[in-house]
């Protein structure tokens, strides 16, 4: 069994978590103080998930901050950035607007700021 030590990032407590991994599966988790920490550790040792935050260039040159509306697998970020870099939204765009629908398995890329003309 492989032992992995993690610092949970799900809340400000930063619990020090130990996870036992066997055959690519978390078989135990200890050190978390809440259920979110347990789920974080189980995902982190098998297939880490992250919210992707970046910017895209709009038609006309303004930069628009965007993020995924749900976490995506960390190992998919670079390939998804190729798709993201190819999009150039037309203004106006409002906070929460979908910039790319279904970027990855039901995850959308959304605007995190309103940009007018």
C-alpha atoms as a PDB file:
ATOM      1  CA  UNK A   1       0.000   0.000   0.000  1.00  0.00           C
ATOM      2  CA  UNK A   2       1.178   3.495  -0.845  1.00  0.00           C
ATOM      3  CA  UNK A   3       0.706   6.261   1.742  1.00  0.00           C
ATOM      4  CA  UNK A   4       0.129   9.841   0.555  1.00  0.00           C
ATOM      5  CA  UNK A   5       0.204  12.889   2.816  1.00  0.00           C
ATOM      6  CA  UNK A   6      -1.909  15.841   1.729  1.00  0.00           C
ATOM      7  CA  UNK A   7      -2.912  19.260   2.952  1.00  0.00           C
ATOM      8  CA  UNK A   8      -6.622  19.698   2.388  1.00  0.00           C
ATOM      9  CA  UNK A   9      -7.589  22.864   0.482  1.00  0.00           C
ATOM     10  CA  UNK A  10     -11.361  22.566   0.811  1.00  0.00           C
ATOM     11  CA  UNK A  11     -11.586  25.051   3.682  1.00  0.00           C
ATOM     12  CA  UNK A  12      -9.279  27.359   5.687  1.00  0.00           C
ATOM     13  CA  UNK A  13      -8.499  24.662   8.290  1.00  0.00           C
ATOM     14  CA  UNK A  14      -5.858  23.022   6.054  1.00  0.00           C
ATOM     15  CA  UNK A  15      -6.129  19.577   7.631  1.00  0.00           C
ATOM     16  CA  UNK A  16      -3.109  17.309   7.298  1.00  0.00           C
ATOM     17  CA  UNK A  17      -4.579  14.190   5.734  1.00  0.00           C
ATOM     18  CA  UNK A  18      -3.077  10.757   5.240  1.00  0.00           C
ATOM     19  CA  UNK A  19      -4.530   8.552   2.511  1.00  0.00           C
ATOM     20  CA  UNK A  20      -3.738   4.924   1.843  1.00  0.00           C
ATOM     21  CA  UNK A  21      -3.831   3.957  -1.833  1.00  0.00           C
ATOM     22  CA  UNK A  22      -4.023   0.429  -3.158  1.00  0.00           C
ATOM     23  CA  UNK A  23      -4.482  -0.484  -6.827  1.00  0.00           C
ATOM     24  CA  UNK A  24      -5.380   3.104  -7.698  1.00  0.00           C
ATOM     25  CA  UNK A  25      -8.101   3.346  -5.037  1.00  0.00           C
ATOM     26  CA  UNK A  26      -8.113   5.249  -1.743  1.00  0.00           C
ATOM     27  CA  UNK A  27      -8.640   2.515   0.851  1.00  0.00           C
ATOM     28  CA  UNK A  28      -8.545   4.806   3.871  1.00  0.00           C
ATOM     29  CA  UNK A  29      -8.389   8.487   4.756  1.00  0.00           C
ATOM     30  CA  UNK A  30      -7.530   9.926   8.159  1.00  0.00           C
ATOM     31  CA  UNK A  31      -6.820  13.369   9.552  1.00  0.00           C
ATOM     32  CA  UNK A  32      -9.782  15.153   7.968  1.00  0.00           C
ATOM     33  CA  UNK A  33     -12.179  17.013  10.249  1.00  0.00           C
ATOM     34  CA  UNK A  34     -15.093  17.090   7.814  1.00  0.00           C
ATOM     35  CA  UNK A  35     -16.598  14.979   5.000  1.00  0.00           C
ATOM     36  CA  UNK A  36     -15.328  17.453   2.391  1.00  0.00           C
ATOM     37  CA  UNK A  37     -11.760  16.616   3.397  1.00  0.00           C
ATOM     38  CA  UNK A  38     -12.374  12.906   2.981  1.00  0.00           C
ATOM     39  CA  UNK A  39     -13.823  13.395  -0.510  1.00  0.00           C
ATOM     40  CA  UNK A  40     -10.971  15.770  -1.420  1.00  0.00           C
ATOM     41  CA  UNK A  41      -8.350  13.196  -0.398  1.00  0.00           C
ATOM     42  CA  UNK A  42     -10.104  10.331  -2.194  1.00  0.00           C
ATOM     43  CA  UNK A  43     -10.174  12.340  -5.419  1.00  0.00           C
ATOM     44  CA  UNK A  44      -6.713  13.834  -5.000  1.00  0.00           C
ATOM     45  CA  UNK A  45      -4.912  10.492  -4.744  1.00  0.00           C
ATOM     46  CA  UNK A  46      -6.794   8.921  -7.663  1.00  0.00           C
ATOM     47  CA  UNK A  47      -7.520  11.745 -10.128  1.00  0.00           C
ATOM     48  CA  UNK A  48      -7.016  15.291  -8.848  1.00  0.00           C
ATOM     49  CA  UNK A  49      -9.692  17.843  -9.761  1.00  0.00           C
ATOM     50  CA  UNK A  50      -9.267  21.593 -10.071  1.00  0.00           C
ATOM     51  CA  UNK A  51     -11.312  24.601 -11.140  1.00  0.00           C
ATOM     52  CA  UNK A  52      -9.507  26.085 -14.145  1.00  0.00           C
ATOM     53  CA  UNK A  53      -9.158  29.864 -13.997  1.00  0.00           C
ATOM     54  CA  UNK A  54      -7.711  31.829 -16.909  1.00  0.00           C
ATOM     55  CA  UNK A  55      -8.454  34.683 -19.330  1.00  0.00           C
ATOM     56  CA  UNK A  56      -9.562  34.779 -22.953  1.00  0.00           C
ATOM     57  CA  UNK A  57      -9.049  37.529 -25.508  1.00  0.00           C
ATOM     58  CA  UNK A  58     -12.327  39.013 -26.733  1.00  0.00           C
ATOM     59  CA  UNK A  59     -12.976  40.317 -30.229  1.00  0.00           C
ATOM     60  CA  UNK A  60     -11.456  43.808 -30.075  1.00  0.00           C
ATOM     61  CA  UNK A  61      -8.615  42.813 -27.727  1.00  0.00           C
ATOM     62  CA  UNK A  62     -10.043  43.111 -24.206  1.00  0.00           C
ATOM     63  CA  UNK A  63      -9.151  40.281 -21.837  1.00  0.00           C
ATOM     64  CA  UNK A  64     -12.017  38.485 -20.089  1.00  0.00           C
ATOM     65  CA  UNK A  65     -11.446  36.480 -16.894  1.00  0.00           C
ATOM     66  CA  UNK A  66     -13.106  33.044 -17.039  1.00  0.00           C
ATOM     67  CA  UNK A  67     -13.284  29.825 -15.041  1.00  0.00           C
ATOM     68  CA  UNK A  68     -14.839  26.397 -15.219  1.00  0.00           C
ATOM     69  CA  UNK A  69     -18.130  26.143 -13.347  1.00  0.00           C
ATOM     70  CA  UNK A  70     -17.075  22.771 -11.848  1.00  0.00           C
ATOM     71  CA  UNK A  71     -13.719  21.132 -11.215  1.00  0.00           C
ATOM     72  CA  UNK A  72     -12.069  19.230 -14.062  1.00  0.00           C
ATOM     73  CA  UNK A  73      -9.345  16.576 -13.945  1.00  0.00           C
ATOM     74  CA  UNK A  74      -5.981  18.274 -13.478  1.00  0.00           C
ATOM     75  CA  UNK A  75      -4.422  16.127 -16.192  1.00  0.00           C
ATOM     76  CA  UNK A  76      -6.907  17.563 -18.750  1.00  0.00           C
ATOM     77  CA  UNK A  77      -6.054  21.229 -18.151  1.00  0.00           C
ATOM     78  CA  UNK A  78      -3.407  21.665 -20.843  1.00  0.00           C
ATOM     79  CA  UNK A  79      -5.457  20.044 -23.588  1.00  0.00           C
ATOM     80  CA  UNK A  80      -8.546  22.055 -22.580  1.00  0.00           C
ATOM     81  CA  UNK A  81      -6.482  25.254 -22.679  1.00  0.00           C
ATOM     82  CA  UNK A  82      -5.980  24.665 -26.409  1.00  0.00           C
ATOM     83  CA  UNK A  83      -9.762  24.834 -26.859  1.00  0.00           C
ATOM     84  CA  UNK A  84     -10.072  27.826 -24.524  1.00  0.00           C
ATOM     85  CA  UNK A  85      -7.324  29.760 -26.337  1.00  0.00           C
ATOM     86  CA  UNK A  86      -9.265  29.359 -29.587  1.00  0.00           C
ATOM     87  CA  UNK A  87     -12.374  31.172 -28.353  1.00  0.00           C
ATOM     88  CA  UNK A  88     -12.787  34.950 -28.743  1.00  0.00           C
ATOM     89  CA  UNK A  89     -16.124  36.125 -27.331  1.00  0.00           C
ATOM     90  CA  UNK A  90     -17.858  39.195 -28.654  1.00  0.00           C
ATOM     91  CA  UNK A  91     -18.679  41.859 -26.087  1.00  0.00           C
ATOM     92  CA  UNK A  92     -20.771  42.545 -24.121  1.00  0.00           C
ATOM     93  CA  UNK A  93     -20.313  39.567 -21.794  1.00  0.00           C
ATOM     94  CA  UNK A  94     -21.772  39.459 -18.278  1.00  0.00           C
ATOM     95  CA  UNK A  95     -20.606  37.667 -15.151  1.00  0.00           C
ATOM     96  CA  UNK A  96     -21.883  34.087 -15.271  1.00  0.00           C
ATOM     97  CA  UNK A  97     -22.386  33.999 -19.048  1.00  0.00           C
ATOM     98  CA  UNK A  98     -21.292  30.734 -20.616  1.00  0.00           C
ATOM     99  CA  UNK A  99     -18.272  31.334 -22.859  1.00  0.00           C
ATOM    100  CA  UNK A 100     -17.865  27.652 -23.849  1.00  0.00           C
ATOM    101  CA  UNK A 101     -20.767  25.262 -23.331  1.00  0.00           C
ATOM    102  CA  UNK A 102     -19.776  21.704 -22.350  1.00  0.00           C
ATOM    103  CA  UNK A 103     -16.035  22.299 -22.412  1.00  0.00           C
ATOM    104  CA  UNK A 104     -15.556  18.914 -20.734  1.00  0.00           C
ATOM    105  CA  UNK A 105     -18.216  16.379 -19.720  1.00  0.00           C
ATOM    106  CA  UNK A 106     -20.902  18.879 -18.700  1.00  0.00           C
ATOM    107  CA  UNK A 107     -18.469  21.484 -17.372  1.00  0.00           C
ATOM    108  CA  UNK A 108     -18.905  24.972 -18.827  1.00  0.00           C
ATOM    109  CA  UNK A 109     -16.433  27.835 -19.091  1.00  0.00           C
ATOM    110  CA  UNK A 110     -18.052  30.969 -17.648  1.00  0.00           C
ATOM    111  CA  UNK A 111     -17.184  34.658 -17.449  1.00  0.00           C
ATOM    112  CA  UNK A 112     -16.184  35.900 -14.002  1.00  0.00           C
ATOM    113  CA  UNK A 113     -16.482  39.599 -14.833  1.00  0.00           C
ATOM    114  CA  UNK A 114     -18.797  41.797 -16.860  1.00  0.00           C
ATOM    115  CA  UNK A 115     -17.059  43.357 -19.852  1.00  0.00           C
ATOM    116  CA  UNK A 116     -18.978  45.864 -21.914  1.00  0.00           C
ATOM    117  CA  UNK A 117     -17.844  47.409 -25.200  1.00  0.00           C
END
